[in-house]
Amino acid sequence: MAGDDSSESLNAYQDPLFVANSDNHSIPLTPMLFNGSNFMIWSRYVKMALGAKNKKGFIEGKVSKPNPGHEDYNRWEREDYMVRCWIFRSMTDDVAGGLSLVQTAKELWDELVERYSESNIPLLFQLKKELGKLEQERDRVMSFLMGIKKDYQNVKENILGTEPLPTVNKAFHLVLQAEKKKKITGEIQGNVEMSAFQASRHSQGGKQNSGNFQKKNFKEFKKMKQELKCDHCGMRGHIKEGCFELIGYPPWY
């Protein structure tokens, strides 16, 4: 009868495992995509959209996963896939790419809350700050390596192949070590040292002609080198990686 049909239809819509004709996994849930910085407003849109579809229980953990042998297991799994697709479609690609290994909609939502909720803003700020420092140090190392002559191509490739990249002081020390092994002249050594100093100055915004720089700033470089301090012996003029007490004294010492 008509009344019974209406009642059955209403009961079907109240079932969170019911698939409506309008349920399309390729359609985003929200009017804007989540980009990593708009979680508060975006998450509200997601909850409203899933609530309207009677699927919010999947991200809240209220629609429990049946055992694999249960008659509703396949229906639950299908709907959980659907909810995950909706959420992923509502993110930018770079955000979604870091969440592709989650196993359920609840796990996906919990991961989003943990990473991007307002309570984690101080942590995110600190992480971005630390990332900025790492990028600055990386730029200094790259500037130093760009200033090295072709004689040190092998050393440059070895440094670039190191993960993570060493600090500029460590890279400087590695080049000097290679320089000693090749027994090159003091003049070339001075050129390499000046290239290192020029790179560190360039990372702070200094822009000077390299020829004039080497002539005018050698004393300033010597001063900077004396500011280096070894964490092992406490003496100045070198870092721990170049301390003779650790690596051995050369014949000329």
C-alpha atoms as a PDB file:
ATOM      1  CA  MET A   1       0.000   0.000   0.000  1.00  0.00           C
ATOM      2  CA  ALA A   2       0.978   3.668  -0.405  1.00  0.00           C
ATOM      3  CA  GLY A   3       1.314   4.195   3.341  1.00  0.00           C
ATOM      4  CA  ASP A   4       3.524   1.153   3.737  1.00  0.00           C
ATOM      5  CA  ASP A   5       5.726   2.262   0.822  1.00  0.00           C
ATOM      6  CA  SER A   6       6.199   5.696   2.395  1.00  0.00           C
ATOM      7  CA  SER A   7       7.094   4.129   5.724  1.00  0.00           C
ATOM      8  CA  GLU A   8       9.631   1.786   4.106  1.00  0.00           C
ATOM      9  CA  SER A   9      11.161   4.670   2.159  1.00  0.00           C
ATOM     10  CA  LEU A  10      11.484   6.747   5.337  1.00  0.00           C
ATOM     11  CA  ASN A  11      13.116   3.865   7.185  1.00  0.00           C
ATOM     12  CA  ALA A  12      15.578   3.386   4.340  1.00  0.00           C
ATOM     13  CA  TYR A  13      16.699   7.018   4.503  1.00  0.00           C
ATOM     14  CA  GLN A  14      17.193   6.669   8.250  1.00  0.00           C
ATOM     15  CA  ASP A  15      19.587   3.769   7.675  1.00  0.00           C
ATOM     16  CA  PRO A  16      23.178   5.123   7.457  1.00  0.00           C
ATOM     17  CA  LEU A  17      24.035   2.224   5.126  1.00  0.00           C
ATOM     18  CA  PHE A  18      21.384   3.265   2.620  1.00  0.00           C
ATOM     19  CA  VAL A  19      22.634   4.580  -0.747  1.00  0.00           C
ATOM     20  CA  ALA A  20      20.482   7.363  -2.176  1.00  0.00           C
ATOM     21  CA  ASN A  21      20.266   8.113  -5.899  1.00  0.00           C
ATOM     22  CA  SER A  22      21.912  11.475  -5.224  1.00  0.00           C
ATOM     23  CA  ASP A  23      24.971   9.905  -3.561  1.00  0.00           C
ATOM     24  CA  ASN A  24      27.828  10.481  -6.003  1.00  0.00           C
ATOM     25  CA  HIS A  25      31.368   9.816  -4.795  1.00  0.00           C
ATOM     26  CA  SER A  26      32.888  12.286  -7.282  1.00  0.00           C
ATOM     27  CA  ILE A  27      31.055  15.366  -5.936  1.00  0.00           C
ATOM     28  CA  PRO A  28      32.780  17.480  -3.215  1.00  0.00           C
ATOM     29  CA  LEU A  29      30.942  17.972   0.063  1.00  0.00           C
ATOM     30  CA  THR A  30      31.918  21.600   0.619  1.00  0.00           C
ATOM     31  CA  PRO A  31      31.787  24.903  -1.305  1.00  0.00           C
ATOM     32  CA  MET A  32      35.544  25.375  -0.748  1.00  0.00           C
ATOM     33  CA  LEU A  33      38.454  22.944  -0.732  1.00  0.00           C
ATOM     34  CA  PHE A  34      40.473  22.306   2.413  1.00  0.00           C
ATOM     35  CA  ASN A  35      43.968  23.721   1.835  1.00  0.00           C
ATOM     36  CA  GLY A  36      45.585  23.084   5.217  1.00  0.00           C
ATOM     37  CA  SER A  37      44.771  26.461   6.774  1.00  0.00           C
ATOM     38  CA  ASN A  38      40.945  26.689   6.745  1.00  0.00           C
ATOM     39  CA  PHE A  39      40.110  23.610   8.811  1.00  0.00           C
ATOM     40  CA  MET A  40      37.651  25.207  11.243  1.00  0.00           C
ATOM     41  CA  ILE A  41      35.121  26.445   8.690  1.00  0.00           C
ATOM     42  CA  TRP A  42      35.751  23.569   6.272  1.00  0.00           C
ATOM     43  CA  SER A  43      35.143  20.914   8.951  1.00  0.00           C
ATOM     44  CA  ARG A  44      31.783  22.505   9.812  1.00  0.00           C
ATOM     45  CA  TYR A  45      30.689  22.278   6.178  1.00  0.00           C
ATOM     46  CA  VAL A  46      31.758  18.624   6.069  1.00  0.00           C
ATOM     47  CA  LYS A  47      29.772  17.767   9.200  1.00  0.00           C
ATOM     48  CA  MET A  48      26.673  19.546   7.893  1.00  0.00           C
ATOM     49  CA  ALA A  49      26.891  17.820   4.513  1.00  0.00           C
ATOM     50  CA  LEU A  50      27.428  14.372   6.021  1.00  0.00           C
ATOM     51  CA  GLY A  51      24.668  15.015   8.555  1.00  0.00           C
ATOM     52  CA  ALA A  52      22.266  15.848   5.723  1.00  0.00           C
ATOM     53  CA  LYS A  53      23.168  12.529   4.083  1.00  0.00           C
ATOM     54  CA  ASN A  54      22.887  10.643   7.399  1.00  0.00           C
ATOM     55  CA  LYS A  55      26.572   9.677   7.130  1.00  0.00           C
ATOM     56  CA  LYS A  56      28.114  11.754   9.915  1.00  0.00           C
ATOM     57  CA  GLY A  57      28.255   8.671  12.129  1.00  0.00           C
ATOM     58  CA  PHE A  58      31.040   7.284   9.942  1.00  0.00           C
ATOM     59  CA  ILE A  59      33.493  10.016  10.957  1.00  0.00           C
ATOM     60  CA  GLU A  60      32.261  10.044  14.565  1.00  0.00           C
ATOM     61  CA  GLY A  61      32.640   6.296  15.026  1.00  0.00           C
ATOM     62  CA  LYS A  62      28.928   5.846  15.762  1.00  0.00           C
ATOM     63  CA  VAL A  63      28.377   3.562  12.767  1.00  0.00           C
ATOM     64  CA  SER A  64      30.503   0.655  13.902  1.00  0.00           C
ATOM     65  CA  LYS A  65      32.323  -1.579  11.456  1.00  0.00           C
ATOM     66  CA  PRO A  66      30.699  -5.058  11.387  1.00  0.00           C
ATOM     67  CA  ASN A  67      32.742  -8.229  11.500  1.00  0.00           C
ATOM     68  CA  PRO A  68      33.845  -9.455   8.047  1.00  0.00           C
ATOM     69  CA  GLY A  69      31.311 -12.302   8.140  1.00  0.00           C
ATOM     70  CA  HIS A  70      28.355 -10.080   9.042  1.00  0.00           C
ATOM     71  CA  GLU A  71      25.600  -9.569   6.447  1.00  0.00           C
ATOM     72  CA  ASP A  72      26.070  -5.765   6.609  1.00  0.00           C
ATOM     73  CA  TYR A  73      29.861  -5.813   6.235  1.00  0.00           C
ATOM     74  CA  ASN A  74      29.916  -5.161   2.484  1.00  0.00           C
ATOM     75  CA  ARG A  75      27.304  -2.406   2.768  1.00  0.00           C
ATOM     76  CA  TRP A  76      29.252  -0.717   5.568  1.00  0.00           C
ATOM     77  CA  GLU A  77      32.531  -0.952   3.644  1.00  0.00           C
ATOM     78  CA  ARG A  78      30.917   0.544   0.527  1.00  0.00           C
ATOM     79  CA  GLU A  79      29.507   3.488   2.485  1.00  0.00           C
ATOM     80  CA  ASP A  80      32.797   4.070   4.296  1.00  0.00           C
ATOM     81  CA  TYR A  81      34.558   4.213   0.924  1.00  0.00           C
ATOM     82  CA  MET A  82      31.926   6.701  -0.222  1.00  0.00           C
ATOM     83  CA  VAL A  83      32.449   8.983   2.791  1.00  0.00           C
ATOM     84  CA  ARG A  84      36.225   8.919   2.331  1.00  0.00           C
ATOM     85  CA  CYS A  85      35.849   9.786  -1.357  1.00  0.00           C
ATOM     86  CA  TRP A  86      33.621  12.751  -0.483  1.00  0.00           C
ATOM     87  CA  ILE A  87      36.139  14.065   2.029  1.00  0.00           C
ATOM     88  CA  PHE A  88      39.116  13.580  -0.288  1.00  0.00           C
ATOM     89  CA  ARG A  89      37.229  15.358  -3.088  1.00  0.00           C
ATOM     90  CA  SER A  90      36.843  18.305  -0.726  1.00  0.00           C
ATOM     91  CA  MET A  91      40.630  18.781  -0.259  1.00  0.00           C
ATOM     92  CA  THR A  92      43.449  20.121  -2.373  1.00  0.00           C
ATOM     93  CA  ASP A  93      45.665  17.459  -3.940  1.00  0.00           C
ATOM     94  CA  ASP A  94      48.694  18.230  -1.770  1.00  0.00           C
ATOM     95  CA  VAL A  95      46.695  17.797   1.461  1.00  0.00           C
ATOM     96  CA  ALA A  96      44.917  14.656   0.254  1.00  0.00           C
ATOM     97  CA  GLY A  97      48.198  13.071  -0.840  1.00  0.00           C
ATOM     98  CA  GLY A  98      49.457  12.929   2.727  1.00  0.00           C
ATOM     99  CA  LEU A  99      46.377  11.066   3.953  1.00  0.00           C
ATOM    100  CA  SER A 100      45.882   8.399   1.306  1.00  0.00           C
ATOM    101  CA  LEU A 101      46.920   5.469   3.539  1.00  0.00           C
ATOM    102  CA  VAL A 102      44.133   5.788   6.123  1.00  0.00           C
ATOM    103  CA  GLN A 103      41.853   2.745   6.359  1.00  0.00           C
ATOM    104  CA  THR A 104      38.486   4.174   7.439  1.00  0.00           C
ATOM    105  CA  ALA A 105      36.548   7.439   7.379  1.00  0.00           C
ATOM    106  CA  LYS A 106      36.859   7.662  11.175  1.00  0.00           C
ATOM    107  CA  GLU A 107      40.630   7.241  10.959  1.00  0.00           C
ATOM    108  CA  LEU A 108      40.784   9.881   8.221  1.00  0.00           C
ATOM    109  CA  TRP A 109      38.786  12.380  10.253  1.00  0.00           C
ATOM    110  CA  ASP A 110      40.777  11.761  13.432  1.00  0.00           C
ATOM    111  CA  GLU A 111      43.998  12.351  11.491  1.00  0.00           C
ATOM    112  CA  LEU A 112      42.661  15.633  10.114  1.00  0.00           C
ATOM    113  CA  VAL A 113      41.620  16.830  13.564  1.00  0.00           C
ATOM    114  CA  GLU A 114      44.982  15.896  15.060  1.00  0.00           C
ATOM    115  CA  ARG A 115      46.949  17.676  12.341  1.00  0.00           C
ATOM    116  CA  TYR A 116      44.887  20.763  11.684  1.00  0.00           C
ATOM    117  CA  SER A 117      42.624  21.558  14.636  1.00  0.00           C
ATOM    118  CA  GLU A 118      42.975  24.941  16.327  1.00  0.00           C
ATOM    119  CA  SER A 119      44.694  23.403  19.367  1.00  0.00           C
ATOM    120  CA  ASN A 120      47.672  22.535  17.149  1.00  0.00           C
ATOM    121  CA  ILE A 121      48.200  26.058  15.782  1.00  0.00           C
ATOM    122  CA  PRO A 122      51.198  26.806  18.088  1.00  0.00           C
ATOM    123  CA  LEU A 123      52.788  23.507  17.056  1.00  0.00           C
ATOM    124  CA  LEU A 124      52.193  24.227  13.367  1.00  0.00           C
ATOM    125  CA  PHE A 125      53.727  27.676  13.795  1.00  0.00           C
ATOM    126  CA  GLN A 126      56.817  26.188  15.440  1.00  0.00           C
ATOM    127  CA  LEU A 127      57.146  23.527  12.740  1.00  0.00           C
ATOM    128  CA  LYS A 128      56.930  26.143   9.985  1.00  0.00           C
ATOM    129  CA  LYS A 129      59.534  28.225  11.800  1.00  0.00           C
ATOM    130  CA  GLU A 130      61.912  25.261  12.059  1.00  0.00           C
ATOM    131  CA  LEU A 131      61.281  24.413   8.418  1.00  0.00           C
ATOM    132  CA  GLY A 132      62.205  27.978   7.478  1.00  0.00           C
ATOM    133  CA  LYS A 133      65.494  27.634   9.363  1.00  0.00           C
ATOM    134  CA  LEU A 134      66.284  24.383   7.565  1.00  0.00           C
ATOM    135  CA  GLU A 135      65.541  25.974   4.198  1.00  0.00           C
ATOM    136  CA  GLN A 136      67.818  28.930   5.008  1.00  0.00           C
ATOM    137  CA  GLU A 137      70.653  26.596   5.996  1.00  0.00           C
ATOM    138  CA  ARG A 138      70.075  24.565   2.843  1.00  0.00           C
ATOM    139  CA  ASP A 139      70.311  27.748   0.766  1.00  0.00           C
ATOM    140  CA  ARG A 140      73.609  28.635   2.457  1.00  0.00           C
ATOM    141  CA  VAL A 141      75.047  25.209   1.662  1.00  0.00           C
ATOM    142  CA  MET A 142      73.883  25.408  -1.952  1.00  0.00           C
ATOM    143  CA  SER A 143      75.386  28.888  -2.332  1.00  0.00           C
ATOM    144  CA  PHE A 144      78.683  27.619  -0.930  1.00  0.00           C
ATOM    145  CA  LEU A 145      78.757  24.632  -3.281  1.00  0.00           C
ATOM    146  CA  MET A 146      77.958  26.834  -6.281  1.00  0.00           C
ATOM    147  CA  GLY A 147      81.054  28.890  -5.466  1.00  0.00           C
ATOM    148  CA  ILE A 148      83.401  25.888  -5.452  1.00  0.00           C
ATOM    149  CA  LYS A 149      85.677  25.341  -8.444  1.00  0.00           C
ATOM    150  CA  LYS A 150      85.394  22.331 -10.757  1.00  0.00           C
ATOM    151  CA  ASP A 151      88.435  20.775  -9.040  1.00  0.00           C
ATOM    152  CA  TYR A 152      86.064  19.772  -6.238  1.00  0.00           C
ATOM    153  CA  GLN A 153      83.242  18.342  -8.349  1.00  0.00           C
ATOM    154  CA  ASN A 154      83.462  14.930  -6.646  1.00  0.00           C
ATOM    155  CA  VAL A 155      83.299  16.499  -3.199  1.00  0.00           C
ATOM    156  CA  LYS A 156      80.345  18.629  -4.284  1.00  0.00           C
ATOM    157  CA  GLU A 157      78.463  15.570  -5.569  1.00  0.00           C
ATOM    158  CA  ASN A 158      79.161  13.665  -2.350  1.00  0.00           C
ATOM    159  CA  ILE A 159      77.821  16.532  -0.248  1.00  0.00           C
ATOM    160  CA  LEU A 160      74.708  16.900  -2.419  1.00  0.00           C
ATOM    161  CA  GLY A 161      74.107  13.161  -2.061  1.00  0.00           C
ATOM    162  CA  THR A 162      74.071  13.399   1.731  1.00  0.00           C
ATOM    163  CA  GLU A 163      70.640  13.224   3.374  1.00  0.00           C
ATOM    164  CA  PRO A 164      70.055  15.489   5.136  1.00  0.00           C
ATOM    165  CA  LEU A 165      72.426  18.100   3.759  1.00  0.00           C
ATOM    166  CA  PRO A 166      75.230  19.031   6.179  1.00  0.00           C
ATOM    167  CA  THR A 167      75.540  22.527   7.629  1.00  0.00           C
ATOM    168  CA  VAL A 168      77.600  25.086   5.742  1.00  0.00           C
ATOM    169  CA  ASN A 169      80.394  24.721   8.338  1.00  0.00           C
ATOM    170  CA  LYS A 170      80.446  20.955   7.850  1.00  0.00           C
ATOM    171  CA  ALA A 171      80.483  21.344   4.054  1.00  0.00           C
ATOM    172  CA  PHE A 172      83.313  23.871   4.376  1.00  0.00           C
ATOM    173  CA  HIS A 173      85.295  21.391   6.472  1.00  0.00           C
ATOM    174  CA  LEU A 174      84.748  18.563   3.965  1.00  0.00           C
ATOM    175  CA  VAL A 175      86.108  20.693   1.137  1.00  0.00           C
ATOM    176  CA  LEU A 176      89.169  21.668   3.165  1.00  0.00           C
ATOM    177  CA  GLN A 177      89.816  18.002   3.964  1.00  0.00           C
ATOM    178  CA  ALA A 178      89.676  17.136   0.267  1.00  0.00           C
ATOM    179  CA  GLU A 179      91.999  20.047  -0.389  1.00  0.00           C
ATOM    180  CA  LYS A 180      94.631  18.665   1.994  1.00  0.00           C
ATOM    181  CA  LYS A 181      94.384  15.182   0.524  1.00  0.00           C
ATOM    182  CA  LYS A 182      95.074  16.520  -2.951  1.00  0.00           C
ATOM    183  CA  LYS A 183      98.084  18.477  -1.592  1.00  0.00           C
ATOM    184  CA  ILE A 184      97.193  21.566  -3.555  1.00  0.00           C
ATOM    185  CA  THR A 185      98.861  24.933  -3.113  1.00  0.00           C
ATOM    186  CA  GLY A 186      98.026  27.486  -0.466  1.00  0.00           C
ATOM    187  CA  GLU A 187      96.821  29.864  -3.159  1.00  0.00           C
ATOM    188  CA  ILE A 188      94.043  27.505  -4.237  1.00  0.00           C
ATOM    189  CA  GLN A 189      93.211  26.867  -0.601  1.00  0.00           C
ATOM    190  CA  GLY A 190      92.732  30.578  -0.122  1.00  0.00           C
ATOM    191  CA  ASN A 191      90.439  30.695  -3.147  1.00  0.00           C
ATOM    192  CA  VAL A 192      88.255  27.898  -1.781  1.00  0.00           C
ATOM    193  CA  GLU A 193      88.056  29.484   1.662  1.00  0.00           C
ATOM    194  CA  MET A 194      87.066  32.798   0.146  1.00  0.00           C
ATOM    195  CA  SER A 195      84.342  31.061  -1.898  1.00  0.00           C
ATOM    196  CA  ALA A 196      82.910  29.632   1.331  1.00  0.00           C
ATOM    197  CA  PHE A 197      82.944  32.985   3.056  1.00  0.00           C
ATOM    198  CA  GLN A 198      81.419  34.689   0.023  1.00  0.00           C
ATOM    199  CA  ALA A 199      78.557  32.156   0.010  1.00  0.00           C
ATOM    200  CA  SER A 200      77.791  32.726   3.701  1.00  0.00           C
ATOM    201  CA  ARG A 201      77.822  36.484   3.183  1.00  0.00           C
ATOM    202  CA  HIS A 202      75.581  36.159   0.144  1.00  0.00           C
ATOM    203  CA  SER A 203      72.977  34.217   2.153  1.00  0.00           C
ATOM    204  CA  GLN A 204      72.671  37.267   4.424  1.00  0.00           C
ATOM    205  CA  GLY A 205      71.933  39.559   1.495  1.00  0.00           C
ATOM    206  CA  GLY A 206      75.453  40.694   0.581  1.00  0.00           C
ATOM    207  CA  LYS A 207      76.074  41.124  -3.142  1.00  0.00           C
ATOM    208  CA  GLN A 208      79.595  42.028  -4.253  1.00  0.00           C
ATOM    209  CA  ASN A 209      81.831  41.379  -7.213  1.00  0.00           C
ATOM    210  CA  SER A 210      83.716  38.127  -6.507  1.00  0.00           C
ATOM    211  CA  GLY A 211      87.101  39.490  -7.621  1.00  0.00           C
ATOM    212  CA  ASN A 212      86.929  42.619  -5.491  1.00  0.00           C
ATOM    213  CA  PHE A 213      85.414  40.574  -2.665  1.00  0.00           C
ATOM    214  CA  GLN A 214      88.427  38.290  -2.367  1.00  0.00           C
ATOM    215  CA  LYS A 215      90.853  41.210  -2.322  1.00  0.00           C
ATOM    216  CA  LYS A 216      89.011  43.366   0.187  1.00  0.00           C
ATOM    217  CA  ASN A 217      87.526  40.865   2.629  1.00  0.00           C
ATOM    218  CA  PHE A 218      90.253  38.330   3.380  1.00  0.00           C
ATOM    219  CA  LYS A 219      90.870  39.808   6.833  1.00  0.00           C
ATOM    220  CA  GLU A 220      87.160  39.739   7.558  1.00  0.00           C
ATOM    221  CA  PHE A 221      87.062  36.064   6.572  1.00  0.00           C
ATOM    222  CA  LYS A 222      89.955  35.268   8.914  1.00  0.00           C
ATOM    223  CA  LYS A 223      87.998  36.923  11.690  1.00  0.00           C
ATOM    224  CA  MET A 224      84.925  34.839  10.910  1.00  0.00           C
ATOM    225  CA  LYS A 225      87.002  31.643  10.906  1.00  0.00           C
ATOM    226  CA  GLN A 226      88.318  32.471  14.374  1.00  0.00           C
ATOM    227  CA  GLU A 227      84.739  32.719  15.592  1.00  0.00           C
ATOM    228  CA  LEU A 228      84.250  28.995  14.870  1.00  0.00           C
ATOM    229  CA  LYS A 229      84.444  26.979  18.086  1.00  0.00           C
ATOM    230  CA  CYS A 230      85.033  23.258  18.502  1.00  0.00           C
ATOM    231  CA  ASP A 231      82.428  21.463  20.623  1.00  0.00           C
ATOM    232  CA  HIS A 232      85.062  18.877  21.632  1.00  0.00           C
ATOM    233  CA  CYS A 233      88.193  20.742  22.727  1.00  0.00           C
ATOM    234  CA  GLY A 234      86.717  24.222  23.081  1.00  0.00           C
ATOM    235  CA  MET A 235      89.370  25.847  20.874  1.00  0.00           C
ATOM    236  CA  ARG A 236      88.511  28.349  18.171  1.00  0.00           C
ATOM    237  CA  GLY A 237      89.321  28.273  14.469  1.00  0.00           C
ATOM    238  CA  HIS A 238      87.721  24.916  13.694  1.00  0.00           C
ATOM    239  CA  ILE A 239      84.657  22.761  14.350  1.00  0.00           C
ATOM    240  CA  LYS A 240      84.355  19.323  15.951  1.00  0.00           C
ATOM    241  CA  GLU A 241      84.553  17.466  12.615  1.00  0.00           C
ATOM    242  CA  GLY A 242      88.000  18.974  11.991  1.00  0.00           C
ATOM    243  CA  CYS A 243      89.425  18.605  15.508  1.00  0.00           C
ATOM    244  CA  PHE A 244      92.838  16.938  15.372  1.00  0.00           C
ATOM    245  CA  GLU A 245      92.218  15.365  18.799  1.00  0.00           C
ATOM    246  CA  LEU A 246      89.456  13.309  17.184  1.00  0.00           C
ATOM    247  CA  ILE A 247      90.678  12.728  13.620  1.00  0.00           C
ATOM    248  CA  GLY A 248      94.415  12.585  14.330  1.00  0.00           C
ATOM    249  CA  TYR A 249      97.239  15.068  13.895  1.00  0.00           C
ATOM    250  CA  PRO A 250      98.620  15.547  10.334  1.00  0.00           C
ATOM    251  CA  PRO A 251     102.386  15.197   9.683  1.00  0.00           C
ATOM    252  CA  TRP A 252     102.814  18.914   9.181  1.00  0.00           C
ATOM    253  CA  TYR A 253     101.273  19.843  12.562  1.00  0.00           C
END
